[in-house]
Amino acid sequence: MDILTIILILLIILAIYLFINRNKKNVKSSAVKKEEIIQEYEKQMLEVIEKNRDNQSTLISEKTKLLKKINHELSMNLFFDEDEAKAILRHLNSLN
């Protein structure tokens, strides 16, 4: 075999390897995804609380807006059922 044939075979093998590895996805379990979503909501709520700590009326208003937004997102999310969504919203509302 000449050198060009060997290089061509190696390039084909490399292309097949890259194609197979590109199609593999980093799949997370639903429990991990749920926990990440909840942590992100907690982070958002804590930011609102910290930002509006000095003004109680603004704090209540901003918390209400965020809870409405989160409620809407959770109602559209397939990972959470209605009871889980209510529990999450209660937990977020209790953060101070």
PDB file of N, CA and C in Angstrom:
ATOM      1  N   MET A   1       0.842  -1.184   0.000  1.00  0.00           N
ATOM      2  CA  MET A   1       0.000   0.000   0.000  1.00  0.00           C
ATOM      3  C   MET A   1       0.881   1.238   0.000  1.00  0.00           C
ATOM      4  N   ASP A   2       0.440   2.183  -0.739  1.00  0.00           N
ATOM      5  CA  ASP A   2       1.218   3.411  -0.728  1.00  0.00           C
ATOM      6  C   ASP A   2       0.709   4.329   0.389  1.00  0.00           C
ATOM      7  N   ILE A   3       1.402   5.374   0.628  1.00  0.00           N
ATOM      8  CA  ILE A   3       1.145   6.267   1.758  1.00  0.00           C
ATOM      9  C   ILE A   3      -0.194   6.968   1.642  1.00  0.00           C
ATOM     10  N   LEU A   4      -0.632   7.312   0.434  1.00  0.00           N
ATOM     11  CA  LEU A   4      -1.905   8.002   0.250  1.00  0.00           C
ATOM     12  C   LEU A   4      -3.090   7.110   0.635  1.00  0.00           C
ATOM     13  N   THR A   5      -3.004   5.838   0.350  1.00  0.00           N
ATOM     14  CA  THR A   5      -4.073   4.908   0.711  1.00  0.00           C
ATOM     15  C   THR A   5      -4.167   4.769   2.227  1.00  0.00           C
ATOM     16  N   ILE A   6      -3.036   4.691   2.888  1.00  0.00           N
ATOM     17  CA  ILE A   6      -3.012   4.580   4.350  1.00  0.00           C
ATOM     18  C   ILE A   6      -3.601   5.849   4.983  1.00  0.00           C
ATOM     19  N   ILE A   7      -3.222   7.001   4.485  1.00  0.00           N
ATOM     20  CA  ILE A   7      -3.750   8.267   5.004  1.00  0.00           C
ATOM     21  C   ILE A   7      -5.259   8.339   4.781  1.00  0.00           C
ATOM     22  N   LEU A   8      -5.734   7.920   3.625  1.00  0.00           N
ATOM     23  CA  LEU A   8      -7.162   7.932   3.310  1.00  0.00           C
ATOM     24  C   LEU A   8      -7.939   7.011   4.263  1.00  0.00           C
ATOM     25  N   ILE A   9      -7.413   5.833   4.519  1.00  0.00           N
ATOM     26  CA  ILE A   9      -8.069   4.892   5.437  1.00  0.00           C
ATOM     27  C   ILE A   9      -8.112   5.480   6.847  1.00  0.00           C
ATOM     28  N   LEU A  10      -7.014   6.086   7.298  1.00  0.00           N
ATOM     29  CA  LEU A  10      -6.977   6.706   8.619  1.00  0.00           C
ATOM     30  C   LEU A  10      -7.968   7.867   8.728  1.00  0.00           C
ATOM     31  N   LEU A  11      -8.079   8.662   7.674  1.00  0.00           N
ATOM     32  CA  LEU A  11      -9.033   9.768   7.679  1.00  0.00           C
ATOM     33  C   LEU A  11     -10.476   9.267   7.725  1.00  0.00           C
ATOM     34  N   ILE A  12     -10.768   8.188   7.028  1.00  0.00           N
ATOM     35  CA  ILE A  12     -12.113   7.603   7.054  1.00  0.00           C
ATOM     36  C   ILE A  12     -12.431   7.076   8.450  1.00  0.00           C
ATOM     37  N   ILE A  13     -11.469   6.385   9.067  1.00  0.00           N
ATOM     38  CA  ILE A  13     -11.665   5.872  10.427  1.00  0.00           C
ATOM     39  C   ILE A  13     -11.878   7.028  11.399  1.00  0.00           C
ATOM     40  N   LEU A  14     -11.094   8.092  11.272  1.00  0.00           N
ATOM     41  CA  LEU A  14     -11.240   9.260  12.131  1.00  0.00           C
ATOM     42  C   LEU A  14     -12.605   9.915  11.940  1.00  0.00           C
ATOM     43  N   ALA A  15     -13.055  10.031  10.704  1.00  0.00           N
ATOM     44  CA  ALA A  15     -14.368  10.625  10.428  1.00  0.00           C
ATOM     45  C   ALA A  15     -15.483   9.790  11.043  1.00  0.00           C
ATOM     46  N   ILE A  16     -15.398   8.487  10.950  1.00  0.00           N
ATOM     47  CA  ILE A  16     -16.411   7.607  11.550  1.00  0.00           C
ATOM     48  C   ILE A  16     -16.399   7.758  13.068  1.00  0.00           C
ATOM     49  N   TYR A  17     -15.236   7.786  13.665  1.00  0.00           N
ATOM     50  CA  TYR A  17     -15.110   7.951  15.118  1.00  0.00           C
ATOM     51  C   TYR A  17     -15.726   9.279  15.569  1.00  0.00           C
ATOM     52  N   LEU A  18     -15.410  10.368  14.863  1.00  0.00           N
ATOM     53  CA  LEU A  18     -15.951  11.674  15.226  1.00  0.00           C
ATOM     54  C   LEU A  18     -17.466  11.720  15.038  1.00  0.00           C
ATOM     55  N   PHE A  19     -17.973  11.083  14.007  1.00  0.00           N
ATOM     56  CA  PHE A  19     -19.412  11.054  13.761  1.00  0.00           C
ATOM     57  C   PHE A  19     -20.135  10.317  14.876  1.00  0.00           C
ATOM     58  N   ILE A  20     -19.596   9.203  15.310  1.00  0.00           N
ATOM     59  CA  ILE A  20     -20.224   8.419  16.381  1.00  0.00           C
ATOM     60  C   ILE A  20     -20.186   9.192  17.696  1.00  0.00           C
ATOM     61  N   ASN A  21     -19.075   9.802  18.032  1.00  0.00           N
ATOM     62  CA  ASN A  21     -18.952  10.535  19.291  1.00  0.00           C
ATOM     63  C   ASN A  21     -19.753  11.829  19.293  1.00  0.00           C
ATOM     64  N   ARG A  22     -19.978  12.420  18.155  1.00  0.00           N
ATOM     65  CA  ARG A  22     -20.760  13.649  18.066  1.00  0.00           C
ATOM     66  C   ARG A  22     -22.218  13.374  18.396  1.00  0.00           C
ATOM     67  N   ASN A  23     -22.698  12.190  18.067  1.00  0.00           N
ATOM     68  CA  ASN A  23     -24.095  11.851  18.301  1.00  0.00           C
ATOM     69  C   ASN A  23     -24.394  11.439  19.736  1.00  0.00           C
ATOM     70  N   LYS A  24     -23.369  11.190  20.529  1.00  0.00           N
ATOM     71  CA  LYS A  24     -23.585  10.864  21.936  1.00  0.00           C
ATOM     72  C   LYS A  24     -23.893  12.151  22.679  1.00  0.00           C
ATOM     73  N   LYS A  25     -24.935  12.121  23.490  1.00  0.00           N
ATOM     74  CA  LYS A  25     -25.326  13.313  24.230  1.00  0.00           C
ATOM     75  C   LYS A  25     -25.086  13.076  25.707  1.00  0.00           C
ATOM     76  N   ASN A  26     -24.840  14.165  26.400  1.00  0.00           N
ATOM     77  CA  ASN A  26     -24.688  14.116  27.842  1.00  0.00           C
ATOM     78  C   ASN A  26     -26.093  14.151  28.444  1.00  0.00           C
ATOM     79  N   VAL A  27     -26.635  12.979  28.727  1.00  0.00           N
ATOM     80  CA  VAL A  27     -28.010  12.857  29.191  1.00  0.00           C
ATOM     81  C   VAL A  27     -28.024  12.877  30.714  1.00  0.00           C
ATOM     82  N   LYS A  28     -28.848  13.764  31.269  1.00  0.00           N
ATOM     83  CA  LYS A  28     -28.984  13.860  32.712  1.00  0.00           C
ATOM     84  C   LYS A  28     -30.284  13.176  33.117  1.00  0.00           C
ATOM     85  N   SER A  29     -30.306  12.634  34.304  1.00  0.00           N
ATOM     86  CA  SER A  29     -31.536  12.024  34.790  1.00  0.00           C
ATOM     87  C   SER A  29     -32.555  13.108  35.092  1.00  0.00           C
ATOM     88  N   SER A  30     -33.828  12.726  35.126  1.00  0.00           N
ATOM     89  CA  SER A  30     -34.868  13.722  35.381  1.00  0.00           C
ATOM     90  C   SER A  30     -34.736  14.310  36.779  1.00  0.00           C
ATOM     91  N   ALA A  31     -34.264  13.526  37.737  1.00  0.00           N
ATOM     92  CA  ALA A  31     -34.083  14.042  39.097  1.00  0.00           C
ATOM     93  C   ALA A  31     -33.030  15.148  39.119  1.00  0.00           C
ATOM     94  N   VAL A  32     -31.951  14.963  38.368  1.00  0.00           N
ATOM     95  CA  VAL A  32     -30.891  15.981  38.305  1.00  0.00           C
ATOM     96  C   VAL A  32     -31.424  17.234  37.620  1.00  0.00           C
ATOM     97  N   LYS A  33     -32.176  17.059  36.544  1.00  0.00           N
ATOM     98  CA  LYS A  33     -32.747  18.208  35.842  1.00  0.00           C
ATOM     99  C   LYS A  33     -33.706  18.967  36.744  1.00  0.00           C
ATOM    100  N   LYS A  34     -34.556  18.230  37.468  1.00  0.00           N
ATOM    101  CA  LYS A  34     -35.492  18.878  38.382  1.00  0.00           C
ATOM    102  C   LYS A  34     -34.741  19.694  39.428  1.00  0.00           C
ATOM    103  N   GLU A  35     -33.720  19.103  40.012  1.00  0.00           N
ATOM    104  CA  GLU A  35     -32.955  19.791  41.052  1.00  0.00           C
ATOM    105  C   GLU A  35     -32.280  21.042  40.499  1.00  0.00           C
ATOM    106  N   GLU A  36     -31.755  20.969  39.289  1.00  0.00           N
ATOM    107  CA  GLU A  36     -31.126  22.142  38.682  1.00  0.00           C
ATOM    108  C   GLU A  36     -32.151  23.250  38.454  1.00  0.00           C
ATOM    109  N   ILE A  37     -33.342  22.886  38.020  1.00  0.00           N
ATOM    110  CA  ILE A  37     -34.396  23.874  37.792  1.00  0.00           C
ATOM    111  C   ILE A  37     -34.786  24.538  39.110  1.00  0.00           C
ATOM    112  N   ILE A  38     -34.975  23.737  40.143  1.00  0.00           N
ATOM    113  CA  ILE A  38     -35.354  24.274  41.453  1.00  0.00           C
ATOM    114  C   ILE A  38     -34.264  25.196  41.996  1.00  0.00           C
ATOM    115  N   GLN A  39     -33.011  24.786  41.853  1.00  0.00           N
ATOM    116  CA  GLN A  39     -31.907  25.622  42.333  1.00  0.00           C
ATOM    117  C   GLN A  39     -31.866  26.954  41.591  1.00  0.00           C
ATOM    118  N   GLU A  40     -32.152  26.935  40.295  1.00  0.00           N
ATOM    119  CA  GLU A  40     -32.165  28.181  39.528  1.00  0.00           C
ATOM    120  C   GLU A  40     -33.294  29.096  40.007  1.00  0.00           C
ATOM    121  N   TYR A  41     -34.464  28.537  40.308  1.00  0.00           N
ATOM    122  CA  TYR A  41     -35.564  29.342  40.842  1.00  0.00           C
ATOM    123  C   TYR A  41     -35.210  29.917  42.207  1.00  0.00           C
ATOM    124  N   GLU A  42     -34.567  29.125  43.049  1.00  0.00           N
ATOM    125  CA  GLU A  42     -34.144  29.627  44.361  1.00  0.00           C
ATOM    126  C   GLU A  42     -33.146  30.775  44.200  1.00  0.00           C
ATOM    127  N   LYS A  43     -32.244  30.625  43.265  1.00  0.00           N
ATOM    128  CA  LYS A  43     -31.251  31.667  43.009  1.00  0.00           C
ATOM    129  C   LYS A  43     -31.936  32.961  42.570  1.00  0.00           C
ATOM    130  N   GLN A  44     -32.915  32.839  41.665  1.00  0.00           N
ATOM    131  CA  GLN A  44     -33.643  34.016  41.205  1.00  0.00           C
ATOM    132  C   GLN A  44     -34.393  34.689  42.352  1.00  0.00           C
ATOM    133  N   MET A  45     -35.032  33.886  43.192  1.00  0.00           N
ATOM    134  CA  MET A  45     -35.785  34.444  44.317  1.00  0.00           C
ATOM    135  C   MET A  45     -34.855  35.133  45.304  1.00  0.00           C
ATOM    136  N   LEU A  46     -33.733  34.529  45.606  1.00  0.00           N
ATOM    137  CA  LEU A  46     -32.781  35.144  46.540  1.00  0.00           C
ATOM    138  C   LEU A  46     -32.223  36.454  45.984  1.00  0.00           C
ATOM    139  N   GLU A  47     -32.042  36.521  44.662  1.00  0.00           N
ATOM    140  CA  GLU A  47     -31.588  37.772  44.044  1.00  0.00           C
ATOM    141  C   GLU A  47     -32.636  38.862  44.199  1.00  0.00           C
ATOM    142  N   VAL A  48     -33.902  38.515  43.996  1.00  0.00           N
ATOM    143  CA  VAL A  48     -34.983  39.490  44.167  1.00  0.00           C
ATOM    144  C   VAL A  48     -35.042  39.963  45.614  1.00  0.00           C
ATOM    145  N   ILE A  49     -34.915  39.029  46.547  1.00  0.00           N
ATOM    146  CA  ILE A  49     -34.963  39.385  47.970  1.00  0.00           C
ATOM    147  C   ILE A  49     -33.802  40.306  48.331  1.00  0.00           C
ATOM    148  N   GLU A  50     -32.618  39.963  47.875  1.00  0.00           N
ATOM    149  CA  GLU A  50     -31.439  40.771  48.198  1.00  0.00           C
ATOM    150  C   GLU A  50     -31.535  42.166  47.580  1.00  0.00           C
ATOM    151  N   LYS A  51     -32.013  42.229  46.359  1.00  0.00           N
ATOM    152  CA  LYS A  51     -32.105  43.501  45.643  1.00  0.00           C
ATOM    153  C   LYS A  51     -33.126  44.439  46.295  1.00  0.00           C
ATOM    154  N   ASN A  52     -34.205  43.881  46.846  1.00  0.00           N
ATOM    155  CA  ASN A  52     -35.296  44.702  47.373  1.00  0.00           C
ATOM    156  C   ASN A  52     -35.448  44.592  48.882  1.00  0.00           C
ATOM    157  N   ARG A  53     -34.400  44.243  49.562  1.00  0.00           N
ATOM    158  CA  ARG A  53     -34.449  44.024  51.008  1.00  0.00           C
ATOM    159  C   ARG A  53     -34.894  45.282  51.774  1.00  0.00           C
ATOM    160  N   ASP A  54     -34.537  46.457  51.287  1.00  0.00           N
ATOM    161  CA  ASP A  54     -34.809  47.694  52.016  1.00  0.00           C
ATOM    162  C   ASP A  54     -36.229  48.223  51.811  1.00  0.00           C
ATOM    163  N   ASN A  55     -36.889  47.815  50.747  1.00  0.00           N
ATOM    164  CA  ASN A  55     -38.225  48.324  50.440  1.00  0.00           C
ATOM    165  C   ASN A  55     -39.219  47.162  50.446  1.00  0.00           C
ATOM    166  N   GLN A  56     -39.995  47.065  51.510  1.00  0.00           N
ATOM    167  CA  GLN A  56     -40.882  45.923  51.706  1.00  0.00           C
ATOM    168  C   GLN A  56     -41.968  45.832  50.634  1.00  0.00           C
ATOM    169  N   SER A  57     -42.549  46.960  50.238  1.00  0.00           N
ATOM    170  CA  SER A  57     -43.622  46.911  49.238  1.00  0.00           C
ATOM    171  C   SER A  57     -43.089  46.483  47.875  1.00  0.00           C
ATOM    172  N   THR A  58     -41.917  46.957  47.507  1.00  0.00           N
ATOM    173  CA  THR A  58     -41.298  46.539  46.249  1.00  0.00           C
ATOM    174  C   THR A  58     -40.923  45.068  46.315  1.00  0.00           C
ATOM    175  N   LEU A  59     -40.445  44.633  47.459  1.00  0.00           N
ATOM    176  CA  LEU A  59     -40.084  43.232  47.642  1.00  0.00           C
ATOM    177  C   LEU A  59     -41.297  42.332  47.410  1.00  0.00           C
ATOM    178  N   ILE A  60     -42.412  42.685  48.015  1.00  0.00           N
ATOM    179  CA  ILE A  60     -43.627  41.873  47.845  1.00  0.00           C
ATOM    180  C   ILE A  60     -44.060  41.864  46.389  1.00  0.00           C
ATOM    181  N   SER A  61     -44.013  43.019  45.750  1.00  0.00           N
ATOM    182  CA  SER A  61     -44.408  43.123  44.352  1.00  0.00           C
ATOM    183  C   SER A  61     -43.507  42.275  43.447  1.00  0.00           C
ATOM    184  N   GLU A  62     -42.205  42.380  43.658  1.00  0.00           N
ATOM    185  CA  GLU A  62     -41.252  41.638  42.826  1.00  0.00           C
ATOM    186  C   GLU A  62     -41.332  40.132  43.085  1.00  0.00           C
ATOM    187  N   LYS A  63     -41.512  39.748  44.350  1.00  0.00           N
ATOM    188  CA  LYS A  63     -41.667  38.323  44.666  1.00  0.00           C
ATOM    189  C   LYS A  63     -42.916  37.761  43.994  1.00  0.00           C
ATOM    190  N   THR A  64     -43.998  38.550  44.011  1.00  0.00           N
ATOM    191  CA  THR A  64     -45.244  38.118  43.380  1.00  0.00           C
ATOM    192  C   THR A  64     -45.058  37.929  41.880  1.00  0.00           C
ATOM    193  N   LYS A  65     -44.384  38.880  41.235  1.00  0.00           N
ATOM    194  CA  LYS A  65     -44.120  38.764  39.793  1.00  0.00           C
ATOM    195  C   LYS A  65     -43.316  37.501  39.490  1.00  0.00           C
ATOM    196  N   LEU A  66     -42.266  37.290  40.274  1.00  0.00           N
ATOM    197  CA  LEU A  66     -41.409  36.136  40.043  1.00  0.00           C
ATOM    198  C   LEU A  66     -42.166  34.836  40.299  1.00  0.00           C
ATOM    199  N   LEU A  67     -42.966  34.789  41.352  1.00  0.00           N
ATOM    200  CA  LEU A  67     -43.738  33.577  41.637  1.00  0.00           C
ATOM    201  C   LEU A  67     -44.749  33.283  40.530  1.00  0.00           C
ATOM    202  N   LYS A  68     -45.354  34.315  39.962  1.00  0.00           N
ATOM    203  CA  LYS A  68     -46.284  34.120  38.844  1.00  0.00           C
ATOM    204  C   LYS A  68     -45.538  33.567  37.630  1.00  0.00           C
ATOM    205  N   LYS A  69     -44.379  34.121  37.371  1.00  0.00           N
ATOM    206  CA  LYS A  69     -43.572  33.657  36.234  1.00  0.00           C
ATOM    207  C   LYS A  69     -43.167  32.192  36.436  1.00  0.00           C
ATOM    208  N   ILE A  70     -42.700  31.868  37.628  1.00  0.00           N
ATOM    209  CA  ILE A  70     -42.277  30.500  37.933  1.00  0.00           C
ATOM    210  C   ILE A  70     -43.460  29.550  37.867  1.00  0.00           C
ATOM    211  N   ASN A  71     -44.609  29.986  38.385  1.00  0.00           N
ATOM    212  CA  ASN A  71     -45.811  29.154  38.323  1.00  0.00           C
ATOM    213  C   ASN A  71     -46.167  28.826  36.871  1.00  0.00           C
ATOM    214  N   HIS A  72     -46.091  29.827  36.012  1.00  0.00           N
ATOM    215  CA  HIS A  72     -46.386  29.595  34.598  1.00  0.00           C
ATOM    216  C   HIS A  72     -45.384  28.614  33.982  1.00  0.00           C
ATOM    217  N   GLU A  73     -44.112  28.804  34.277  1.00  0.00           N
ATOM    218  CA  GLU A  73     -43.078  27.919  33.730  1.00  0.00           C
ATOM    219  C   GLU A  73     -43.250  26.484  34.231  1.00  0.00           C
ATOM    220  N   LEU A  74     -43.556  26.338  35.512  1.00  0.00           N
ATOM    221  CA  LEU A  74     -43.733  24.994  36.067  1.00  0.00           C
ATOM    222  C   LEU A  74     -44.973  24.310  35.486  1.00  0.00           C
ATOM    223  N   SER A  75     -46.014  25.078  35.228  1.00  0.00           N
ATOM    224  CA  SER A  75     -47.219  24.479  34.662  1.00  0.00           C
ATOM    225  C   SER A  75     -46.979  23.972  33.245  1.00  0.00           C
ATOM    226  N   MET A  76     -46.006  24.547  32.559  1.00  0.00           N
ATOM    227  CA  MET A  76     -45.684  24.123  31.195  1.00  0.00           C
ATOM    228  C   MET A  76     -44.602  23.041  31.167  1.00  0.00           C
ATOM    229  N   ASN A  77     -43.960  22.789  32.299  1.00  0.00           N
ATOM    230  CA  ASN A  77     -42.841  21.866  32.362  1.00  0.00           C
ATOM    231  C   ASN A  77     -43.331  20.436  32.590  1.00  0.00           C
ATOM    232  N   LEU A  78     -42.876  19.527  31.755  1.00  0.00           N
ATOM    233  CA  LEU A  78     -43.310  18.138  31.839  1.00  0.00           C
ATOM    234  C   LEU A  78     -42.718  17.388  33.026  1.00  0.00           C
ATOM    235  N   PHE A  79     -41.645  17.897  33.610  1.00  0.00           N
ATOM    236  CA  PHE A  79     -40.984  17.211  34.718  1.00  0.00           C
ATOM    237  C   PHE A  79     -41.780  17.306  36.019  1.00  0.00           C
ATOM    238  N   PHE A  80     -42.594  18.350  36.159  1.00  0.00           N
ATOM    239  CA  PHE A  80     -43.253  18.613  37.430  1.00  0.00           C
ATOM    240  C   PHE A  80     -44.757  18.406  37.310  1.00  0.00           C
ATOM    241  N   ASP A  81     -45.317  17.704  38.298  1.00  0.00           N
ATOM    242  CA  ASP A  81     -46.771  17.616  38.347  1.00  0.00           C
ATOM    243  C   ASP A  81     -47.292  18.775  39.200  1.00  0.00           C
ATOM    244  N   GLU A  82     -48.606  18.865  39.332  1.00  0.00           N
ATOM    245  CA  GLU A  82     -49.215  20.013  40.013  1.00  0.00           C
ATOM    246  C   GLU A  82     -48.813  20.099  41.485  1.00  0.00           C
ATOM    247  N   ASP A  83     -48.770  18.957  42.159  1.00  0.00           N
ATOM    248  CA  ASP A  83     -48.400  18.958  43.580  1.00  0.00           C
ATOM    249  C   ASP A  83     -46.956  19.397  43.796  1.00  0.00           C
ATOM    250  N   GLU A  84     -46.056  18.933  42.928  1.00  0.00           N
ATOM    251  CA  GLU A  84     -44.650  19.343  43.038  1.00  0.00           C
ATOM    252  C   GLU A  84     -44.512  20.842  42.800  1.00  0.00           C
ATOM    253  N   ALA A  85     -45.235  21.348  41.816  1.00  0.00           N
ATOM    254  CA  ALA A  85     -45.166  22.775  41.511  1.00  0.00           C
ATOM    255  C   ALA A  85     -45.642  23.601  42.704  1.00  0.00           C
ATOM    256  N   LYS A  86     -46.739  23.174  43.329  1.00  0.00           N
ATOM    257  CA  LYS A  86     -47.244  23.898  44.504  1.00  0.00           C
ATOM    258  C   LYS A  86     -46.231  23.871  45.637  1.00  0.00           C
ATOM    259  N   ALA A  87     -45.605  22.725  45.851  1.00  0.00           N
ATOM    260  CA  ALA A  87     -44.607  22.616  46.922  1.00  0.00           C
ATOM    261  C   ALA A  87     -43.414  23.529  46.642  1.00  0.00           C
ATOM    262  N   ILE A  88     -42.990  23.592  45.406  1.00  0.00           N
ATOM    263  CA  ILE A  88     -41.863  24.461  45.039  1.00  0.00           C
ATOM    264  C   ILE A  88     -42.234  25.918  45.262  1.00  0.00           C
ATOM    265  N   LEU A  89     -43.431  26.302  44.834  1.00  0.00           N
ATOM    266  CA  LEU A  89     -43.859  27.682  45.011  1.00  0.00           C
ATOM    267  C   LEU A  89     -43.981  28.048  46.491  1.00  0.00           C
ATOM    268  N   ARG A  90     -44.488  27.126  47.322  1.00  0.00           N
ATOM    269  CA  ARG A  90     -44.565  27.383  48.753  1.00  0.00           C
ATOM    270  C   ARG A  90     -43.164  27.582  49.333  1.00  0.00           C
ATOM    271  N   HIS A  91     -42.233  26.725  48.914  1.00  0.00           N
ATOM    272  CA  HIS A  91     -40.854  26.829  49.408  1.00  0.00           C
ATOM    273  C   HIS A  91     -40.245  28.183  48.991  1.00  0.00           C
ATOM    274  N   LEU A  92     -40.428  28.571  47.735  1.00  0.00           N
ATOM    275  CA  LEU A  92     -39.861  29.829  47.258  1.00  0.00           C
ATOM    276  C   LEU A  92     -40.480  31.017  47.962  1.00  0.00           C
ATOM    277  N   ASN A  93     -41.771  30.936  48.226  1.00  0.00           N
ATOM    278  CA  ASN A  93     -42.456  32.025  48.911  1.00  0.00           C
ATOM    279  C   ASN A  93     -41.970  32.180  50.355  1.00  0.00           C
ATOM    280  N   SER A  94     -41.531  31.087  50.946  1.00  0.00           N
ATOM    281  CA  SER A  94     -41.084  31.132  52.346  1.00  0.00           C
ATOM    282  C   SER A  94     -39.642  31.642  52.492  1.00  0.00           C
ATOM    283  N   LEU A  95     -38.918  31.761  51.394  1.00  0.00           N
ATOM    284  CA  LEU A  95     -37.543  32.271  51.483  1.00  0.00           C
ATOM    285  C   LEU A  95     -37.538  33.719  51.931  1.00  0.00           C
ATOM    286  N   ASN A  96     -36.602  34.044  52.789  1.00  0.00           N
ATOM    287  CA  ASN A  96     -36.474  35.432  53.270  1.00  0.00           C
ATOM    288  C   ASN A  96     -35.065  35.869  53.183  1.00  0.00           C
TER     289      ASN A  96
END
